């Protein structure tokens, strides 16, 4: 994936998202912290599946579980799968139905641009 400027205006958030508009910048900031601090790499496995490789221990895993549970409650079209290879890094697979590929595109773009070069 190539890093391009990440959308910052929320224009990529679909109507299916039920998170109140006022809370969206806070949620975006949570994802930005995750992307900046923990993402080691991102792979687009298919148009509807993004895999993030994350560096962190059990505290990070607990933080991610909380974040994806809250995100799933307002954006039910997301499917998240957090795993750790033993031994190895955490992986977070993010899947969407074909109707929401544009949202996954924006999330992938944000993950790589906020993360910056490593």
N, C-alpha and C. Protein backbone atom coordinates (compact mmCIF):
# COMPACT_ATOMS: atom_id res chain seq x y z
N UNK A 1 0.84 -1.17 0.00
CA UNK A 1 0.00 0.00 0.00
C UNK A 1 0.88 1.23 0.00
N UNK A 2 0.42 2.24 -0.67
CA UNK A 2 1.17 3.48 -0.67
C UNK A 2 0.52 4.46 0.29
N UNK A 3 1.36 5.20 0.99
CA UNK A 3 0.85 6.17 1.94
C UNK A 3 0.39 7.42 1.21
N UNK A 4 -0.85 7.78 1.40
CA UNK A 4 -1.42 9.00 0.85
C UNK A 4 -2.01 9.77 2.03
N UNK A 5 -2.29 11.03 1.87
CA UNK A 5 -2.91 11.76 2.97
C UNK A 5 -4.19 11.08 3.41
N UNK A 6 -4.35 10.91 4.70
CA UNK A 6 -5.54 10.27 5.25
C UNK A 6 -6.68 11.27 5.32
N UNK A 7 -7.90 10.82 5.02
CA UNK A 7 -9.02 11.72 5.15
C UNK A 7 -9.20 12.12 6.61
N UNK A 8 -9.40 13.39 6.87
CA UNK A 8 -9.54 13.87 8.24
C UNK A 8 -10.91 14.46 8.51
N UNK A 9 -11.73 14.59 7.50
CA UNK A 9 -13.01 15.26 7.68
C UNK A 9 -14.16 14.31 7.98
N UNK A 10 -13.92 13.03 8.06
CA UNK A 10 -14.98 12.08 8.33
C UNK A 10 -15.86 11.79 7.13
N UNK A 11 -15.50 12.30 5.97
CA UNK A 11 -16.33 12.10 4.78
C UNK A 11 -16.43 10.64 4.37
N UNK A 12 -15.50 9.83 4.82
CA UNK A 12 -15.51 8.43 4.44
C UNK A 12 -16.37 7.58 5.38
N UNK A 13 -16.90 8.17 6.45
CA UNK A 13 -17.73 7.42 7.40
C UNK A 13 -19.09 7.19 6.76
N UNK A 14 -19.51 5.93 6.64
CA UNK A 14 -20.76 5.63 5.95
C UNK A 14 -21.99 5.95 6.80
N UNK A 15 -23.13 6.09 6.15
CA UNK A 15 -24.39 6.33 6.86
C UNK A 15 -24.72 5.20 7.82
N UNK A 16 -24.20 4.00 7.56
CA UNK A 16 -24.49 2.85 8.41
C UNK A 16 -23.86 2.98 9.80
N UNK A 17 -22.95 3.92 9.97
CA UNK A 17 -22.31 4.13 11.26
C UNK A 17 -23.27 4.86 12.18
N UNK A 18 -23.52 4.29 13.36
CA UNK A 18 -24.45 4.90 14.31
C UNK A 18 -23.75 5.65 15.43
N UNK A 19 -22.42 5.77 15.37
CA UNK A 19 -21.70 6.55 16.38
C UNK A 19 -22.11 8.01 16.21
N UNK A 20 -22.51 8.66 17.30
CA UNK A 20 -22.88 10.08 17.17
C UNK A 20 -21.76 10.90 16.53
N UNK A 21 -22.14 11.81 15.68
CA UNK A 21 -21.17 12.62 14.95
C UNK A 21 -20.18 13.30 15.88
N UNK A 22 -20.64 13.76 17.02
CA UNK A 22 -19.75 14.45 17.96
C UNK A 22 -18.68 13.53 18.53
N UNK A 23 -18.94 12.22 18.57
CA UNK A 23 -17.98 11.26 19.13
C UNK A 23 -16.99 10.74 18.09
N UNK A 24 -17.22 10.99 16.83
CA UNK A 24 -16.37 10.44 15.77
C UNK A 24 -14.92 10.92 15.84
N UNK A 25 -14.66 12.20 16.10
CA UNK A 25 -13.24 12.61 16.20
C UNK A 25 -12.49 11.89 17.33
N UNK A 26 -13.17 11.60 18.42
CA UNK A 26 -12.53 10.88 19.53
C UNK A 26 -12.19 9.45 19.13
N UNK A 27 -13.11 8.79 18.44
CA UNK A 27 -12.86 7.42 17.99
C UNK A 27 -11.74 7.40 16.96
N UNK A 28 -11.75 8.36 16.06
CA UNK A 28 -10.69 8.45 15.06
C UNK A 28 -9.34 8.65 15.74
N UNK A 29 -9.31 9.45 16.78
CA UNK A 29 -8.06 9.67 17.54
C UNK A 29 -7.59 8.37 18.20
N UNK A 30 -8.51 7.55 18.67
CA UNK A 30 -8.13 6.25 19.26
C UNK A 30 -7.49 5.35 18.21
N UNK A 31 -8.10 5.29 17.03
CA UNK A 31 -7.52 4.49 15.96
C UNK A 31 -6.18 5.06 15.52
N UNK A 32 -6.08 6.38 15.44
CA UNK A 32 -4.80 6.99 15.06
C UNK A 32 -3.69 6.62 16.04
N UNK A 33 -3.99 6.63 17.35
CA UNK A 33 -2.98 6.22 18.35
C UNK A 33 -2.55 4.78 18.12
N UNK A 34 -3.53 3.91 17.87
CA UNK A 34 -3.22 2.51 17.60
C UNK A 34 -2.33 2.39 16.37
N UNK A 35 -2.70 3.06 15.29
CA UNK A 35 -1.93 2.99 14.06
C UNK A 35 -0.52 3.54 14.26
N UNK A 36 -0.41 4.67 14.94
CA UNK A 36 0.88 5.33 15.14
C UNK A 36 1.79 4.50 16.06
N UNK A 37 1.24 3.96 17.14
CA UNK A 37 2.06 3.34 18.17
C UNK A 37 2.31 1.85 17.99
N UNK A 38 1.43 1.15 17.29
CA UNK A 38 1.53 -0.31 17.30
C UNK A 38 1.60 -0.98 15.93
N UNK A 39 1.09 -0.35 14.89
CA UNK A 39 1.04 -1.02 13.58
C UNK A 39 2.44 -1.12 13.00
N UNK A 40 2.84 -2.35 12.72
CA UNK A 40 4.14 -2.62 12.10
C UNK A 40 4.03 -2.82 10.60
N UNK A 41 2.84 -3.16 10.16
CA UNK A 41 2.64 -3.38 8.73
C UNK A 41 1.17 -3.60 8.44
N UNK A 42 0.80 -3.41 7.18
CA UNK A 42 -0.57 -3.60 6.74
C UNK A 42 -0.55 -4.32 5.40
N UNK A 43 -1.39 -5.34 5.29
CA UNK A 43 -1.49 -6.11 4.06
C UNK A 43 -2.94 -6.18 3.65
N UNK A 44 -3.20 -5.88 2.39
CA UNK A 44 -4.55 -6.00 1.86
C UNK A 44 -4.66 -7.41 1.30
N UNK A 45 -5.33 -8.29 2.03
CA UNK A 45 -5.46 -9.68 1.62
C UNK A 45 -6.48 -9.85 0.50
N UNK A 46 -7.46 -8.97 0.47
CA UNK A 46 -8.45 -8.94 -0.60
C UNK A 46 -9.13 -7.57 -0.54
N UNK A 47 -10.03 -7.33 -1.45
CA UNK A 47 -10.73 -6.03 -1.45
C UNK A 47 -11.49 -5.82 -0.15
N UNK A 48 -11.91 -6.91 0.48
CA UNK A 48 -12.74 -6.80 1.68
C UNK A 48 -12.02 -7.20 2.97
N UNK A 49 -10.70 -7.43 2.90
CA UNK A 49 -9.96 -7.90 4.08
C UNK A 49 -8.61 -7.18 4.19
N UNK A 50 -8.42 -6.52 5.32
CA UNK A 50 -7.17 -5.85 5.65
C UNK A 50 -6.56 -6.53 6.86
N UNK A 51 -5.27 -6.82 6.81
CA UNK A 51 -4.57 -7.40 7.96
C UNK A 51 -3.54 -6.41 8.46
N UNK A 52 -3.63 -6.09 9.74
CA UNK A 52 -2.66 -5.23 10.40
C UNK A 52 -1.79 -6.08 11.30
N UNK A 53 -0.47 -5.87 11.20
CA UNK A 53 0.48 -6.53 12.09
C UNK A 53 0.85 -5.53 13.18
N UNK A 54 0.68 -5.95 14.43
CA UNK A 54 0.81 -5.03 15.55
C UNK A 54 1.88 -5.50 16.52
N UNK A 55 2.63 -4.56 17.05
CA UNK A 55 3.66 -4.83 18.02
C UNK A 55 3.14 -4.43 19.40
N UNK A 56 3.03 -5.40 20.31
CA UNK A 56 2.57 -5.06 21.65
C UNK A 56 2.20 -6.29 22.44
N UNK A 57 2.10 -6.09 23.73
CA UNK A 57 1.80 -7.18 24.65
C UNK A 57 0.33 -7.30 24.98
N UNK A 58 0.07 -7.92 26.12
CA UNK A 58 -1.32 -8.18 26.52
C UNK A 58 -2.09 -6.91 26.80
N UNK A 59 -1.43 -5.87 27.31
CA UNK A 59 -2.14 -4.60 27.54
C UNK A 59 -2.65 -4.03 26.23
N UNK A 60 -1.82 -4.10 25.18
CA UNK A 60 -2.28 -3.64 23.87
C UNK A 60 -3.44 -4.49 23.38
N UNK A 61 -3.35 -5.79 23.55
CA UNK A 61 -4.43 -6.68 23.11
C UNK A 61 -5.74 -6.32 23.81
N UNK A 62 -5.67 -6.04 25.11
CA UNK A 62 -6.87 -5.65 25.84
C UNK A 62 -7.43 -4.33 25.33
N UNK A 63 -6.54 -3.38 25.04
CA UNK A 63 -6.96 -2.09 24.50
C UNK A 63 -7.64 -2.26 23.15
N UNK A 64 -7.06 -3.11 22.30
CA UNK A 64 -7.63 -3.34 20.97
C UNK A 64 -8.98 -4.04 21.09
N UNK A 65 -9.07 -5.04 21.97
CA UNK A 65 -10.37 -5.73 22.14
C UNK A 65 -11.47 -4.75 22.52
N UNK A 66 -11.14 -3.82 23.44
CA UNK A 66 -12.12 -2.82 23.85
C UNK A 66 -12.50 -1.91 22.68
N UNK A 67 -11.50 -1.45 21.95
CA UNK A 67 -11.75 -0.55 20.82
C UNK A 67 -12.59 -1.22 19.74
N UNK A 68 -12.26 -2.44 19.38
CA UNK A 68 -13.01 -3.10 18.30
C UNK A 68 -14.41 -3.51 18.76
N UNK A 69 -14.59 -3.78 20.05
CA UNK A 69 -15.94 -4.07 20.55
C UNK A 69 -16.82 -2.83 20.43
N UNK A 70 -16.27 -1.68 20.80
CA UNK A 70 -17.04 -0.43 20.69
C UNK A 70 -17.30 -0.07 19.23
N UNK A 71 -16.30 -0.30 18.37
CA UNK A 71 -16.48 0.01 16.95
C UNK A 71 -17.52 -0.91 16.32
N UNK A 72 -17.50 -2.17 16.69
CA UNK A 72 -18.48 -3.13 16.16
C UNK A 72 -19.90 -2.78 16.58
N UNK A 73 -20.05 -2.16 17.74
CA UNK A 73 -21.39 -1.83 18.22
C UNK A 73 -22.03 -0.68 17.43
N UNK A 74 -21.22 0.18 16.85
CA UNK A 74 -21.80 1.30 16.08
C UNK A 74 -21.67 1.09 14.58
N UNK A 75 -20.73 0.29 14.15
CA UNK A 75 -20.51 0.01 12.73
C UNK A 75 -20.53 -1.51 12.56
N UNK A 76 -21.73 -2.06 12.58
CA UNK A 76 -21.88 -3.52 12.61
C UNK A 76 -21.40 -4.21 11.34
N UNK A 77 -21.12 -3.45 10.29
CA UNK A 77 -20.62 -4.07 9.07
C UNK A 77 -19.17 -4.52 9.18
N UNK A 78 -18.43 -4.01 10.19
CA UNK A 78 -17.06 -4.45 10.40
C UNK A 78 -17.04 -5.82 11.07
N UNK A 79 -16.10 -6.67 10.64
CA UNK A 79 -15.80 -7.92 11.33
C UNK A 79 -14.33 -7.86 11.69
N UNK A 80 -14.03 -7.99 12.96
CA UNK A 80 -12.65 -7.91 13.46
C UNK A 80 -12.24 -9.26 14.00
N UNK A 81 -10.98 -9.62 13.78
CA UNK A 81 -10.42 -10.86 14.32
C UNK A 81 -9.01 -10.56 14.81
N UNK A 82 -8.85 -10.54 16.14
CA UNK A 82 -7.55 -10.27 16.75
C UNK A 82 -6.93 -11.59 17.18
N UNK A 83 -5.69 -11.82 16.75
CA UNK A 83 -4.99 -13.08 17.09
C UNK A 83 -3.54 -12.79 17.41
N UNK A 84 -2.93 -13.72 18.11
CA UNK A 84 -1.49 -13.67 18.33
C UNK A 84 -0.92 -15.03 17.97
N UNK A 85 0.08 -15.02 17.09
CA UNK A 85 0.82 -16.24 16.79
C UNK A 85 1.78 -16.47 17.95
N UNK A 86 1.91 -17.68 18.38
CA UNK A 86 2.82 -17.96 19.49
C UNK A 86 4.10 -18.56 18.97
N UNK A 87 5.26 -18.00 19.21
CA UNK A 87 5.41 -16.60 19.60
C UNK A 87 5.24 -15.74 18.37
N UNK A 88 4.91 -14.52 18.58
CA UNK A 88 4.78 -13.62 17.44
C UNK A 88 3.93 -12.42 17.73
N UNK A 89 3.79 -11.58 16.72
CA UNK A 89 3.04 -10.34 16.90
C UNK A 89 1.53 -10.58 16.88
N UNK A 90 0.80 -9.58 17.29
CA UNK A 90 -0.65 -9.59 17.14
C UNK A 90 -0.98 -9.33 15.68
N UNK A 91 -2.06 -9.92 15.22
CA UNK A 91 -2.61 -9.56 13.91
C UNK A 91 -4.07 -9.20 14.11
N UNK A 92 -4.48 -8.19 13.41
CA UNK A 92 -5.87 -7.76 13.43
C UNK A 92 -6.37 -7.80 12.00
N UNK A 93 -7.28 -8.73 11.73
CA UNK A 93 -7.94 -8.77 10.43
C UNK A 93 -9.21 -7.94 10.52
N UNK A 94 -9.40 -7.09 9.55
CA UNK A 94 -10.59 -6.24 9.45
C UNK A 94 -11.27 -6.60 8.15
N UNK A 95 -12.52 -7.03 8.25
CA UNK A 95 -13.28 -7.42 7.06
C UNK A 95 -14.55 -6.57 6.97
N UNK A 96 -14.95 -6.33 5.74
CA UNK A 96 -16.20 -5.61 5.47
C UNK A 96 -16.92 -6.31 4.33
N UNK A 97 -18.23 -6.13 4.23
CA UNK A 97 -18.92 -6.65 3.05
C UNK A 97 -18.57 -5.80 1.83
N UNK A 98 -18.78 -6.33 0.63
CA UNK A 98 -18.42 -5.60 -0.58
C UNK A 98 -19.01 -4.18 -0.65
N UNK A 99 -20.15 -3.96 -0.09
CA UNK A 99 -20.77 -2.63 -0.14
C UNK A 99 -19.98 -1.58 0.64
N UNK A 100 -19.05 -2.02 1.51
CA UNK A 100 -18.29 -1.08 2.34
C UNK A 100 -16.79 -1.13 2.08
N UNK A 101 -16.41 -1.55 0.88
CA UNK A 101 -14.98 -1.59 0.52
C UNK A 101 -14.36 -0.20 0.62
N UNK A 102 -15.13 0.83 0.28
CA UNK A 102 -14.59 2.19 0.36
C UNK A 102 -14.22 2.58 1.79
N UNK A 103 -14.95 2.08 2.76
CA UNK A 103 -14.63 2.35 4.16
C UNK A 103 -13.33 1.63 4.54
N UNK A 104 -13.17 0.40 4.08
CA UNK A 104 -11.93 -0.33 4.35
C UNK A 104 -10.75 0.33 3.64
N UNK A 105 -10.98 0.83 2.43
CA UNK A 105 -9.94 1.58 1.72
C UNK A 105 -9.47 2.76 2.56
N UNK A 106 -10.41 3.51 3.10
CA UNK A 106 -10.08 4.69 3.91
C UNK A 106 -9.36 4.29 5.19
N UNK A 107 -9.79 3.20 5.81
CA UNK A 107 -9.13 2.73 7.03
C UNK A 107 -7.70 2.28 6.73
N UNK A 108 -7.51 1.57 5.64
CA UNK A 108 -6.16 1.13 5.25
C UNK A 108 -5.27 2.33 4.95
N UNK A 109 -5.82 3.30 4.24
CA UNK A 109 -5.07 4.51 3.92
C UNK A 109 -4.68 5.24 5.20
N UNK A 110 -5.60 5.34 6.13
CA UNK A 110 -5.34 6.03 7.41
C UNK A 110 -4.26 5.27 8.19
N UNK A 111 -4.36 3.96 8.24
CA UNK A 111 -3.39 3.16 9.01
C UNK A 111 -1.98 3.35 8.51
N UNK A 112 -1.81 3.43 7.20
CA UNK A 112 -0.46 3.56 6.66
C UNK A 112 0.05 5.00 6.71
N UNK A 113 -0.83 5.98 6.55
CA UNK A 113 -0.36 7.37 6.57
C UNK A 113 -0.10 7.88 7.98
N UNK A 114 -0.91 7.47 8.94
CA UNK A 114 -0.70 7.87 10.33
C UNK A 114 0.53 7.17 10.89
N UNK A 115 0.70 5.92 10.50
CA UNK A 115 1.83 5.12 10.97
C UNK A 115 3.15 5.72 10.51
N UNK A 116 3.16 6.19 9.29
CA UNK A 116 4.40 6.76 8.75
C UNK A 116 5.42 5.68 8.47
N UNK A 117 6.58 6.06 7.93
CA UNK A 117 7.61 5.06 7.59
C UNK A 117 8.26 4.51 8.85
N UNK A 118 8.65 3.23 8.78
CA UNK A 118 9.31 2.58 9.92
C UNK A 118 10.65 2.06 9.46
